[in-house]
Structures are given as C-alpha cells and as structure tokens.
Amino acid sequence: MHTSHCTDDSCGHGARHHHGPFGRGGMKPPFGMAGHLHGFGGPGGMRARRGDIRAAILRLLAESPMHGYQMIQELSARSGGAWSPSPGSVYPALQMLADEGLIVSEETAGKKVFSLTETGMAEVAKTADQPAPWEDAVQDDSGFGDYRQSAGKLLQVVFQIGKSGTNDQRTAALEILNDTRKKLYAILAED
C-alpha cells in the first residue's frame, strides 16, 4: 500500500487550512435567524402550503407534459418570482402524484417527462374554476416579494464581503450595516 505524505506547503495548501475568515463552517445566519432566511431571495422565494405544489403540478401538466425542472421554472415565472418551489418539494410531490395514479413519467432525451393520466385530468377538472396556485402566490405576496428579494441580495453581498473581503472592506461594510440597522429601527418607530 502506498501512502503519500505531504505537508501543507508541499501540497500547495499554504501553512494553514483555508476555511475562510469564519472557520470551517463558513458564514452562518445571524444569531436567532437560522431557519428564518429560507424564504428570502429568488431561490426558495415564498413557501407554499402543502397542497399548493400538488395542485400547481397538476395544472401545469394539464397544459403540456414537462420535466421537474421545467415545472420549477414555470411556477417561478408565472408567479413573477414570488413562488419558486425547491426540488425538495417538487420531486416528492411528483412521486406522490405518480403513486396516486394521477401522472405518469416517460424517459425522453435523458429526462423524466411527466404527463397526466385520465384520472389526473379528471382531478384537474374538479378545480378548473379556482385560481391557479401561482396566482394565489402573487396575490398573497402583497409586495413582500420585492422586499424579500432585496433582503436576500443584501445578505449575499454581506456574506461575500465577510468571506472574501479585506479587513478594511469588512470594517467599512460593518459601519454601513450598523447605520442601516439603526435607520430600519427608526422606520419601525414611526407612527
């Protein structure tokens, strides 16, 4: 058995392990925010109720067969970015719908393309008079989508500066963040 021995310098890693300025785990959400940031930004967008993804998939497939990624893109586009379901919600829903006999899949050009069965078409017909789930996402958003998207972009740049910025850049960013935080609290204090 051959083992290679290399020091950090001989392997090109420098004198210490580079995990970034925040250690091995990288940037973590601010204290108390873990679990609350998932709805910010484009990816993830607004969280939908459990039945919404099911109904949305059925409505999309009533128009034409699609693969999972197409459905995610289509739902995001139709909701104006207010609702962008994750693969972790779409693919289990597709499996559930297939298990119920409402959809079938066929391998096409290396992708699994889904379409409605007759039972699935009948299921869609039952709710044809109701607004599509993506329309509810847009109506329920109340302008929060722009806010959420902007906050997500802000967090991205804050994390980027924290991870790869110089000390001077981090100091300047910290001053801006502290000033911005005070201004935001002032907005909340207004009547």
N, C-alpha and C. Protein backbone atom coordinates (compact mmCIF):
# COMPACT_ATOMS: atom_id res chain seq x y z
N MET A 1 0.84 -1.18 0.00
CA MET A 1 0.00 0.00 0.00
C MET A 1 0.89 1.24 0.00
N HIS A 2 0.57 2.19 -0.85
CA HIS A 2 1.37 3.40 -0.97
C HIS A 2 0.59 4.54 -0.33
N THR A 3 1.25 5.22 0.57
CA THR A 3 0.63 6.39 1.15
C THR A 3 1.46 7.60 0.79
N SER A 4 0.83 8.69 0.53
CA SER A 4 1.59 9.88 0.20
C SER A 4 1.62 10.77 1.42
N HIS A 5 2.76 11.31 1.65
CA HIS A 5 2.93 12.22 2.78
C HIS A 5 3.18 13.60 2.20
N CYS A 6 2.34 14.52 2.56
CA CYS A 6 2.60 15.87 2.11
C CYS A 6 2.31 16.82 3.24
N THR A 7 3.11 17.82 3.32
CA THR A 7 2.85 18.88 4.28
C THR A 7 1.94 19.87 3.60
N ASP A 8 1.40 20.77 4.38
CA ASP A 8 0.52 21.77 3.78
C ASP A 8 1.22 22.54 2.67
N ASP A 9 2.51 22.86 2.89
CA ASP A 9 3.25 23.62 1.87
C ASP A 9 3.49 22.80 0.61
N SER A 10 3.86 21.51 0.78
CA SER A 10 4.19 20.71 -0.40
C SER A 10 2.96 20.35 -1.22
N CYS A 11 1.79 20.40 -0.62
CA CYS A 11 0.56 20.09 -1.35
C CYS A 11 -0.10 21.35 -1.89
N GLY A 12 0.54 22.48 -1.67
CA GLY A 12 0.00 23.72 -2.22
C GLY A 12 -1.10 24.33 -1.39
N HIS A 13 -1.19 23.96 -0.12
CA HIS A 13 -2.27 24.48 0.72
C HIS A 13 -1.83 25.61 1.63
N GLY A 14 -0.58 26.02 1.56
CA GLY A 14 -0.11 27.07 2.45
C GLY A 14 0.14 26.51 3.84
N ALA A 15 0.44 27.40 4.76
CA ALA A 15 0.83 26.97 6.10
C ALA A 15 -0.36 26.59 6.97
N ARG A 16 -1.55 26.98 6.61
CA ARG A 16 -2.71 26.63 7.43
C ARG A 16 -3.86 26.23 6.54
N HIS A 17 -4.83 25.60 7.13
CA HIS A 17 -6.02 25.23 6.36
C HIS A 17 -6.83 26.48 6.07
N HIS A 18 -7.32 26.60 4.86
CA HIS A 18 -8.09 27.78 4.48
C HIS A 18 -9.57 27.46 4.51
N HIS A 19 -10.18 27.81 5.61
CA HIS A 19 -11.62 27.62 5.74
C HIS A 19 -12.34 28.95 5.66
N GLY A 20 -11.62 30.00 5.37
CA GLY A 20 -12.21 31.31 5.31
C GLY A 20 -12.14 31.99 6.67
N PRO A 21 -12.51 33.26 6.74
CA PRO A 21 -12.38 34.02 7.97
C PRO A 21 -13.35 33.58 9.06
N PHE A 22 -14.35 32.76 8.70
CA PHE A 22 -15.35 32.36 9.68
C PHE A 22 -15.19 30.91 10.11
N GLY A 23 -14.01 30.32 9.84
CA GLY A 23 -13.74 28.96 10.27
C GLY A 23 -14.29 27.94 9.31
N ARG A 24 -14.26 26.70 9.74
CA ARG A 24 -14.63 25.56 8.90
C ARG A 24 -16.08 25.64 8.41
N GLY A 25 -16.99 26.12 9.21
CA GLY A 25 -18.40 26.13 8.84
C GLY A 25 -18.81 27.26 7.93
N GLY A 26 -17.92 28.21 7.68
CA GLY A 26 -18.27 29.34 6.82
C GLY A 26 -19.22 30.30 7.52
N MET A 27 -19.91 31.13 6.73
CA MET A 27 -20.85 32.09 7.29
C MET A 27 -22.09 31.37 7.77
N LYS A 28 -22.51 31.68 8.94
CA LYS A 28 -23.75 31.15 9.49
C LYS A 28 -24.77 32.28 9.51
N PRO A 29 -26.07 31.96 9.52
CA PRO A 29 -27.05 33.03 9.64
C PRO A 29 -26.85 33.78 10.95
N PRO A 30 -27.24 35.05 11.01
CA PRO A 30 -27.11 35.81 12.24
C PRO A 30 -27.84 35.12 13.39
N PHE A 31 -27.40 35.38 14.61
CA PHE A 31 -27.99 34.76 15.79
C PHE A 31 -29.51 34.89 15.76
N GLY A 32 -30.18 33.79 15.99
CA GLY A 32 -31.64 33.80 16.03
C GLY A 32 -32.31 33.75 14.67
N MET A 33 -31.53 33.75 13.58
CA MET A 33 -32.14 33.79 12.25
C MET A 33 -32.12 32.44 11.55
N ALA A 34 -31.45 31.44 12.12
CA ALA A 34 -31.42 30.13 11.48
C ALA A 34 -32.84 29.63 11.29
N GLY A 35 -33.15 29.18 10.11
CA GLY A 35 -34.49 28.68 9.82
C GLY A 35 -35.45 29.76 9.36
N HIS A 36 -35.04 31.04 9.45
CA HIS A 36 -35.95 32.11 9.05
C HIS A 36 -35.55 32.75 7.74
N LEU A 37 -34.40 32.38 7.20
CA LEU A 37 -33.91 33.03 5.99
C LEU A 37 -34.24 32.25 4.73
N HIS A 38 -34.83 31.05 4.87
CA HIS A 38 -35.06 30.21 3.69
C HIS A 38 -36.01 30.84 2.69
N GLY A 39 -36.87 31.73 3.10
CA GLY A 39 -37.83 32.30 2.18
C GLY A 39 -37.34 33.53 1.46
N PHE A 40 -36.10 33.96 1.73
CA PHE A 40 -35.58 35.16 1.12
C PHE A 40 -34.96 34.86 -0.22
N GLY A 41 -34.97 35.85 -1.09
CA GLY A 41 -34.30 35.73 -2.37
C GLY A 41 -35.09 34.97 -3.40
N GLY A 42 -34.50 34.84 -4.58
CA GLY A 42 -35.15 34.14 -5.67
C GLY A 42 -35.29 32.66 -5.40
N PRO A 43 -34.20 31.95 -5.21
CA PRO A 43 -34.34 30.53 -4.95
C PRO A 43 -35.05 30.34 -3.63
N GLY A 44 -36.10 29.61 -3.61
CA GLY A 44 -36.86 29.41 -2.39
C GLY A 44 -38.07 30.28 -2.40
N GLY A 45 -37.86 31.59 -2.65
CA GLY A 45 -38.98 32.51 -2.69
C GLY A 45 -39.95 32.27 -1.57
N MET A 46 -41.23 32.40 -1.86
CA MET A 46 -42.26 32.22 -0.87
C MET A 46 -42.55 30.74 -0.66
N ARG A 47 -42.85 30.36 0.56
CA ARG A 47 -43.21 28.97 0.84
C ARG A 47 -44.69 28.79 0.58
N ALA A 48 -45.04 27.69 -0.04
CA ALA A 48 -46.43 27.41 -0.36
C ALA A 48 -46.99 26.40 0.63
N ARG A 49 -48.31 26.37 0.71
CA ARG A 49 -48.96 25.34 1.52
C ARG A 49 -48.74 24.00 0.84
N ARG A 50 -48.82 22.93 1.63
CA ARG A 50 -48.51 21.59 1.14
C ARG A 50 -49.32 21.23 -0.11
N GLY A 51 -50.61 21.51 -0.14
CA GLY A 51 -51.45 21.14 -1.28
C GLY A 51 -51.21 21.98 -2.52
N ASP A 52 -50.60 23.16 -2.34
CA ASP A 52 -50.40 24.05 -3.48
C ASP A 52 -49.48 23.46 -4.53
N ILE A 53 -48.41 22.82 -4.11
CA ILE A 53 -47.46 22.27 -5.09
C ILE A 53 -48.12 21.15 -5.87
N ARG A 54 -48.91 20.36 -5.20
CA ARG A 54 -49.64 19.26 -5.85
C ARG A 54 -50.59 19.83 -6.91
N ALA A 55 -51.40 20.80 -6.50
CA ALA A 55 -52.36 21.41 -7.42
C ALA A 55 -51.65 22.12 -8.57
N ALA A 56 -50.55 22.79 -8.26
CA ALA A 56 -49.81 23.52 -9.30
C ALA A 56 -49.24 22.57 -10.34
N ILE A 57 -48.68 21.46 -9.89
CA ILE A 57 -48.13 20.47 -10.82
C ILE A 57 -49.23 19.94 -11.73
N LEU A 58 -50.36 19.60 -11.15
CA LEU A 58 -51.47 19.08 -11.96
C LEU A 58 -51.92 20.11 -12.99
N ARG A 59 -52.03 21.39 -12.58
CA ARG A 59 -52.47 22.44 -13.51
C ARG A 59 -51.46 22.62 -14.65
N LEU A 60 -50.17 22.59 -14.32
CA LEU A 60 -49.16 22.73 -15.37
C LEU A 60 -49.21 21.57 -16.35
N LEU A 61 -49.33 20.36 -15.81
CA LEU A 61 -49.34 19.18 -16.68
C LEU A 61 -50.61 19.09 -17.50
N ALA A 62 -51.67 19.80 -17.09
CA ALA A 62 -52.89 19.85 -17.90
C ALA A 62 -52.63 20.62 -19.20
N GLU A 63 -51.63 21.50 -19.17
CA GLU A 63 -51.28 22.28 -20.36
C GLU A 63 -50.35 21.52 -21.29
N SER A 64 -49.34 20.86 -20.71
CA SER A 64 -48.41 20.08 -21.53
C SER A 64 -47.51 19.25 -20.62
N PRO A 65 -46.96 18.15 -21.16
CA PRO A 65 -46.01 17.35 -20.38
C PRO A 65 -44.76 18.18 -20.08
N MET A 66 -44.16 17.94 -18.92
CA MET A 66 -42.96 18.68 -18.51
C MET A 66 -42.08 17.81 -17.63
N HIS A 67 -40.81 18.18 -17.55
CA HIS A 67 -39.94 17.54 -16.56
C HIS A 67 -39.90 18.45 -15.32
N GLY A 68 -39.38 17.93 -14.23
CA GLY A 68 -39.42 18.63 -12.95
C GLY A 68 -38.83 20.02 -12.98
N TYR A 69 -37.66 20.17 -13.59
CA TYR A 69 -37.01 21.47 -13.62
C TYR A 69 -37.86 22.49 -14.39
N GLN A 70 -38.50 22.04 -15.47
CA GLN A 70 -39.39 22.94 -16.22
C GLN A 70 -40.51 23.45 -15.33
N MET A 71 -41.06 22.55 -14.50
CA MET A 71 -42.15 22.94 -13.60
C MET A 71 -41.69 24.01 -12.62
N ILE A 72 -40.50 23.82 -12.05
CA ILE A 72 -39.97 24.79 -11.10
C ILE A 72 -39.81 26.15 -11.78
N GLN A 73 -39.23 26.16 -12.98
CA GLN A 73 -39.03 27.40 -13.73
C GLN A 73 -40.36 28.05 -14.09
N GLU A 74 -41.30 27.25 -14.51
CA GLU A 74 -42.61 27.76 -14.93
C GLU A 74 -43.36 28.37 -13.75
N LEU A 75 -43.33 27.71 -12.60
CA LEU A 75 -44.02 28.24 -11.42
C LEU A 75 -43.39 29.55 -10.97
N SER A 76 -42.08 29.63 -11.03
CA SER A 76 -41.41 30.88 -10.67
C SER A 76 -41.79 31.99 -11.65
N ALA A 77 -41.79 31.69 -12.93
CA ALA A 77 -42.13 32.69 -13.95
C ALA A 77 -43.58 33.15 -13.81
N ARG A 78 -44.48 32.21 -13.62
CA ARG A 78 -45.91 32.57 -13.55
C ARG A 78 -46.26 33.35 -12.30
N SER A 79 -45.48 33.17 -11.24
CA SER A 79 -45.75 33.91 -10.01
C SER A 79 -44.91 35.18 -9.93
N GLY A 80 -44.21 35.51 -11.01
CA GLY A 80 -43.37 36.69 -11.01
C GLY A 80 -42.23 36.58 -10.00
N GLY A 81 -41.79 35.36 -9.73
CA GLY A 81 -40.71 35.14 -8.78
C GLY A 81 -41.16 35.05 -7.34
N ALA A 82 -42.47 35.26 -7.09
CA ALA A 82 -42.97 35.20 -5.72
C ALA A 82 -42.96 33.78 -5.17
N TRP A 83 -43.04 32.80 -6.04
CA TRP A 83 -43.07 31.41 -5.60
C TRP A 83 -42.12 30.60 -6.48
N SER A 84 -41.06 30.11 -5.90
CA SER A 84 -40.11 29.29 -6.63
C SER A 84 -39.88 28.02 -5.81
N PRO A 85 -40.69 27.00 -6.03
CA PRO A 85 -40.58 25.79 -5.21
C PRO A 85 -39.24 25.10 -5.40
N SER A 86 -38.78 24.47 -4.35
CA SER A 86 -37.49 23.78 -4.40
C SER A 86 -37.67 22.38 -4.98
N PRO A 87 -36.59 21.81 -5.51
CA PRO A 87 -36.65 20.42 -5.96
C PRO A 87 -37.08 19.49 -4.82
N GLY A 88 -36.74 19.86 -3.59
CA GLY A 88 -37.11 19.06 -2.43
C GLY A 88 -38.59 19.04 -2.15
N SER A 89 -39.35 19.95 -2.75
CA SER A 89 -40.81 19.88 -2.62
C SER A 89 -41.46 19.36 -3.90
N VAL A 90 -40.86 19.66 -5.06
CA VAL A 90 -41.45 19.24 -6.33
C VAL A 90 -41.32 17.73 -6.56
N TYR A 91 -40.12 17.19 -6.40
CA TYR A 91 -39.92 15.78 -6.74
C TYR A 91 -40.68 14.81 -5.83
N PRO A 92 -40.75 15.05 -4.53
CA PRO A 92 -41.60 14.18 -3.71
C PRO A 92 -43.09 14.29 -4.10
N ALA A 93 -43.52 15.50 -4.47
CA ALA A 93 -44.91 15.67 -4.90
C ALA A 93 -45.16 14.90 -6.20
N LEU A 94 -44.19 14.93 -7.11
CA LEU A 94 -44.33 14.16 -8.35
C LEU A 94 -44.45 12.67 -8.06
N GLN A 95 -43.64 12.18 -7.13
CA GLN A 95 -43.70 10.77 -6.77
C GLN A 95 -45.06 10.43 -6.16
N MET A 96 -45.57 11.31 -5.30
CA MET A 96 -46.86 11.10 -4.67
C MET A 96 -47.97 11.05 -5.73
N LEU A 97 -47.94 11.98 -6.68
CA LEU A 97 -48.94 12.03 -7.74
C LEU A 97 -48.86 10.78 -8.61
N ALA A 98 -47.66 10.29 -8.86
CA ALA A 98 -47.49 9.06 -9.63
C ALA A 98 -48.05 7.87 -8.85
N ASP A 99 -47.77 7.83 -7.55
CA ASP A 99 -48.29 6.75 -6.70
C ASP A 99 -49.82 6.75 -6.66
N GLU A 100 -50.42 7.93 -6.77
CA GLU A 100 -51.88 8.05 -6.77
C GLU A 100 -52.48 7.74 -8.14
N GLY A 101 -51.63 7.57 -9.14
CA GLY A 101 -52.11 7.28 -10.48
C GLY A 101 -52.59 8.49 -11.25
N LEU A 102 -52.20 9.69 -10.80
CA LEU A 102 -52.64 10.92 -11.46
C LEU A 102 -51.69 11.36 -12.57
N ILE A 103 -50.43 10.93 -12.48
CA ILE A 103 -49.45 11.26 -13.52
C ILE A 103 -48.62 10.02 -13.85
N VAL A 104 -48.00 10.07 -15.02
CA VAL A 104 -47.05 9.02 -15.42
C VAL A 104 -45.80 9.73 -15.93
N SER A 105 -44.70 9.00 -15.94
CA SER A 105 -43.46 9.58 -16.46
C SER A 105 -42.93 8.72 -17.59
N GLU A 106 -42.20 9.38 -18.47
CA GLU A 106 -41.57 8.71 -19.60
C GLU A 106 -40.19 9.32 -19.79
N GLU A 107 -39.20 8.49 -19.99
CA GLU A 107 -37.83 8.96 -20.22
C GLU A 107 -37.73 9.51 -21.64
N THR A 108 -37.39 10.79 -21.76
CA THR A 108 -37.24 11.43 -23.06
C THR A 108 -35.97 12.26 -23.06
N ALA A 109 -35.06 11.95 -23.96
CA ALA A 109 -33.78 12.67 -24.08
C ALA A 109 -33.06 12.75 -22.74
N GLY A 110 -33.09 11.66 -21.99
CA GLY A 110 -32.39 11.60 -20.72
C GLY A 110 -33.09 12.28 -19.57
N LYS A 111 -34.30 12.76 -19.79
CA LYS A 111 -35.06 13.43 -18.74
C LYS A 111 -36.38 12.70 -18.52
N LYS A 112 -36.84 12.74 -17.28
CA LYS A 112 -38.12 12.13 -16.93
C LYS A 112 -39.21 13.18 -17.19
N VAL A 113 -40.02 12.95 -18.20
CA VAL A 113 -41.09 13.88 -18.56
C VAL A 113 -42.40 13.33 -18.02
N PHE A 114 -43.14 14.19 -17.31
CA PHE A 114 -44.38 13.78 -16.66
C PHE A 114 -45.58 14.27 -17.46
N SER A 115 -46.65 13.49 -17.43
CA SER A 115 -47.91 13.89 -18.07
C SER A 115 -49.06 13.34 -17.24
N LEU A 116 -50.24 13.90 -17.46
CA LEU A 116 -51.43 13.49 -16.71
C LEU A 116 -52.00 12.19 -17.25
N THR A 117 -52.55 11.41 -16.35
CA THR A 117 -53.35 10.25 -16.75
C THR A 117 -54.79 10.74 -16.89
N GLU A 118 -55.69 9.88 -17.31
CA GLU A 118 -57.11 10.27 -17.39
C GLU A 118 -57.62 10.65 -16.01
N THR A 119 -57.19 9.90 -14.99
CA THR A 119 -57.60 10.21 -13.62
C THR A 119 -57.07 11.58 -13.21
N GLY A 120 -55.84 11.89 -13.62
CA GLY A 120 -55.25 13.19 -13.34
C GLY A 120 -56.02 14.32 -14.01
N MET A 121 -56.44 14.09 -15.26
CA MET A 121 -57.22 15.11 -15.97
C MET A 121 -58.55 15.36 -15.26
N ALA A 122 -59.16 14.30 -14.76
CA ALA A 122 -60.42 14.44 -14.02
C ALA A 122 -60.20 15.23 -12.73
N GLU A 123 -59.07 15.00 -12.09
CA GLU A 123 -58.73 15.73 -10.86
C GLU A 123 -58.56 17.22 -11.14
N VAL A 124 -57.90 17.56 -12.23
CA VAL A 124 -57.71 18.97 -12.61
C VAL A 124 -59.06 19.61 -12.92
N ALA A 125 -59.94 18.88 -13.58
CA ALA A 125 -61.25 19.42 -13.95
C ALA A 125 -62.06 19.82 -12.72
N LYS A 126 -61.85 19.14 -11.60
CA LYS A 126 -62.59 19.46 -10.36
C LYS A 126 -62.25 20.86 -9.84
N THR A 127 -61.06 21.35 -10.14
CA THR A 127 -60.63 22.65 -9.60
C THR A 127 -60.43 23.69 -10.70
N ALA A 128 -60.96 23.43 -11.88
CA ALA A 128 -60.75 24.33 -13.02
C ALA A 128 -61.30 25.73 -12.78
N ASP A 129 -62.33 25.86 -11.93
CA ASP A 129 -62.94 27.17 -11.67
C ASP A 129 -62.20 27.96 -10.59
N GLN A 130 -61.20 27.37 -9.96
CA GLN A 130 -60.44 28.04 -8.91
C GLN A 130 -59.18 28.68 -9.49
N PRO A 131 -58.70 29.74 -8.84
CA PRO A 131 -57.45 30.34 -9.32
C PRO A 131 -56.30 29.34 -9.22
N ALA A 132 -55.38 29.43 -10.13
CA ALA A 132 -54.21 28.55 -10.09
C ALA A 132 -53.37 28.91 -8.86
N PRO A 133 -52.70 27.94 -8.27
CA PRO A 133 -51.91 28.21 -7.06
C PRO A 133 -50.87 29.32 -7.23
N TRP A 134 -50.29 29.46 -8.41
CA TRP A 134 -49.31 30.52 -8.61
C TRP A 134 -49.97 31.88 -8.61
N GLU A 135 -51.25 31.96 -8.97
CA GLU A 135 -51.98 33.23 -8.89
C GLU A 135 -52.18 33.62 -7.44
N ASP A 136 -52.48 32.64 -6.58
CA ASP A 136 -52.59 32.90 -5.15
C ASP A 136 -51.27 33.42 -4.59
N ALA A 137 -50.16 32.87 -5.06
CA ALA A 137 -48.85 33.29 -4.57
C ALA A 137 -48.62 34.76 -4.88
N VAL A 138 -49.01 35.19 -6.08
CA VAL A 138 -48.84 36.59 -6.46
C VAL A 138 -49.76 37.48 -5.64
N GLN A 139 -51.02 37.07 -5.45
CA GLN A 139 -51.97 37.86 -4.69
C GLN A 139 -51.59 37.94 -3.22
N ASP A 140 -51.11 36.84 -2.64
CA ASP A 140 -50.75 36.80 -1.23
C ASP A 140 -49.45 37.53 -0.94
N ASP A 141 -48.68 37.81 -1.95
CA ASP A 141 -47.35 38.38 -1.76
C ASP A 141 -47.40 39.80 -1.20
N SER A 142 -48.38 40.59 -1.55
CA SER A 142 -48.57 41.96 -1.05
C SER A 142 -47.30 42.81 -1.14
N GLY A 143 -46.54 42.66 -2.20
CA GLY A 143 -45.34 43.45 -2.37
C GLY A 143 -44.15 42.94 -1.57
N PHE A 144 -44.34 41.88 -0.82
CA PHE A 144 -43.26 41.36 0.01
C PHE A 144 -42.19 40.69 -0.83
N GLY A 145 -42.52 40.27 -2.06
CA GLY A 145 -41.54 39.61 -2.93
C GLY A 145 -40.35 40.50 -3.22
N ASP A 146 -40.60 41.78 -3.54
CA ASP A 146 -39.51 42.71 -3.81
C ASP A 146 -38.65 42.90 -2.56
N TYR A 147 -39.31 43.02 -1.42
CA TYR A 147 -38.61 43.18 -0.15
C TYR A 147 -37.74 41.96 0.13
N ARG A 148 -38.34 40.79 -0.02
CA ARG A 148 -37.64 39.53 0.24
C ARG A 148 -36.44 39.38 -0.71
N GLN A 149 -36.64 39.71 -1.98
CA GLN A 149 -35.57 39.59 -2.97
C GLN A 149 -34.42 40.56 -2.64
N SER A 150 -34.76 41.78 -2.28
CA SER A 150 -33.73 42.76 -1.94
C SER A 150 -32.97 42.34 -0.69
N ALA A 151 -33.68 41.85 0.32
CA ALA A 151 -33.03 41.40 1.55
C ALA A 151 -32.11 40.21 1.26
N GLY A 152 -32.55 39.33 0.39
CA GLY A 152 -31.72 38.18 0.01
C GLY A 152 -30.44 38.62 -0.67
N LYS A 153 -30.56 39.60 -1.57
CA LYS A 153 -29.37 40.11 -2.27
C LYS A 153 -28.43 40.81 -1.28
N LEU A 154 -29.00 41.52 -0.32
CA LEU A 154 -28.19 42.18 0.70
C LEU A 154 -27.41 41.14 1.51
N LEU A 155 -28.09 40.09 1.93
CA LEU A 155 -27.41 39.04 2.70
C LEU A 155 -26.30 38.38 1.89
N GLN A 156 -26.54 38.20 0.59
CA GLN A 156 -25.50 37.60 -0.25
C GLN A 156 -24.23 38.44 -0.26
N VAL A 157 -24.38 39.74 -0.44
CA VAL A 157 -23.19 40.59 -0.51
C VAL A 157 -22.54 40.71 0.86
N VAL A 158 -23.34 40.74 1.93
CA VAL A 158 -22.77 40.78 3.28
C VAL A 158 -21.93 39.53 3.52
N PHE A 159 -22.46 38.37 3.17
CA PHE A 159 -21.73 37.12 3.35
C PHE A 159 -20.48 37.09 2.46
N GLN A 160 -20.60 37.62 1.24
CA GLN A 160 -19.45 37.63 0.33
C GLN A 160 -18.32 38.51 0.88
N ILE A 161 -18.67 39.69 1.40
CA ILE A 161 -17.66 40.56 1.99
C ILE A 161 -17.05 39.89 3.22
N GLY A 162 -17.90 39.26 4.03
CA GLY A 162 -17.41 38.58 5.21
C GLY A 162 -16.48 37.44 4.88
N LYS A 163 -16.76 36.77 3.80
CA LYS A 163 -15.96 35.60 3.42
C LYS A 163 -14.67 35.97 2.70
N SER A 164 -14.75 36.91 1.76
CA SER A 164 -13.57 37.15 0.92
C SER A 164 -13.08 38.60 0.93
N GLY A 165 -13.72 39.47 1.70
CA GLY A 165 -13.28 40.86 1.73
C GLY A 165 -12.04 41.05 2.58
N THR A 166 -11.39 42.18 2.37
CA THR A 166 -10.23 42.53 3.20
C THR A 166 -10.74 43.05 4.54
N ASN A 167 -9.82 43.23 5.49
CA ASN A 167 -10.22 43.78 6.79
C ASN A 167 -10.83 45.17 6.63
N ASP A 168 -10.24 45.99 5.76
CA ASP A 168 -10.78 47.33 5.52
C ASP A 168 -12.19 47.26 4.92
N GLN A 169 -12.40 46.35 3.98
CA GLN A 169 -13.72 46.20 3.38
C GLN A 169 -14.75 45.74 4.41
N ARG A 170 -14.35 44.80 5.27
CA ARG A 170 -15.28 44.32 6.30
C ARG A 170 -15.60 45.43 7.30
N THR A 171 -14.60 46.24 7.64
CA THR A 171 -14.83 47.35 8.57
C THR A 171 -15.80 48.36 7.96
N ALA A 172 -15.60 48.71 6.69
CA ALA A 172 -16.49 49.65 6.01
C ALA A 172 -17.90 49.09 5.91
N ALA A 173 -18.01 47.81 5.59
CA ALA A 173 -19.32 47.17 5.48
C ALA A 173 -20.02 47.15 6.84
N LEU A 174 -19.28 46.90 7.90
CA LEU A 174 -19.86 46.86 9.24
C LEU A 174 -20.44 48.22 9.62
N GLU A 175 -19.74 49.30 9.27
CA GLU A 175 -20.26 50.65 9.54
C GLU A 175 -21.57 50.87 8.80
N ILE A 176 -21.62 50.47 7.54
CA ILE A 176 -22.84 50.63 6.74
C ILE A 176 -23.97 49.80 7.34
N LEU A 177 -23.67 48.57 7.72
CA LEU A 177 -24.70 47.69 8.29
C LEU A 177 -25.24 48.26 9.60
N ASN A 178 -24.36 48.76 10.46
CA ASN A 178 -24.82 49.33 11.73
C ASN A 178 -25.68 50.56 11.50
N ASP A 179 -25.28 51.41 10.55
CA ASP A 179 -26.07 52.60 10.22
C ASP A 179 -27.43 52.20 9.63
N THR A 180 -27.42 51.23 8.74
CA THR A 180 -28.66 50.77 8.11
C THR A 180 -29.60 50.16 9.14
N ARG A 181 -29.06 49.37 10.06
CA ARG A 181 -29.88 48.75 11.11
C ARG A 181 -30.59 49.83 11.93
N LYS A 182 -29.85 50.89 12.30
CA LYS A 182 -30.44 51.99 13.08
C LYS A 182 -31.56 52.67 12.29
N LYS A 183 -31.32 52.89 11.00
CA LYS A 183 -32.34 53.53 10.15
C LYS A 183 -33.59 52.66 10.02
N LEU A 184 -33.40 51.35 9.92
CA LEU A 184 -34.55 50.45 9.82
C LEU A 184 -35.36 50.45 11.11
N TYR A 185 -34.69 50.47 12.26
CA TYR A 185 -35.41 50.56 13.53
C TYR A 185 -36.15 51.89 13.63
N ALA A 186 -35.57 52.95 13.09
CA ALA A 186 -36.24 54.25 13.10
C ALA A 186 -37.53 54.19 12.28
N ILE A 187 -37.52 53.45 11.18
CA ILE A 187 -38.74 53.28 10.37
C ILE A 187 -39.81 52.58 11.19
N LEU A 188 -39.42 51.55 11.92
CA LEU A 188 -40.38 50.83 12.76
C LEU A 188 -40.94 51.71 13.86
N ALA A 189 -40.15 52.65 14.34
CA ALA A 189 -40.58 53.52 15.44
C ALA A 189 -41.55 54.60 14.98
N GLU A 190 -41.62 54.84 13.66
CA GLU A 190 -42.53 55.87 13.14
C GLU A 190 -43.98 55.43 13.30
N ASP A 191 -44.85 56.40 13.44
CA ASP A 191 -46.29 56.11 13.51
C ASP A 191 -46.93 56.14 12.18
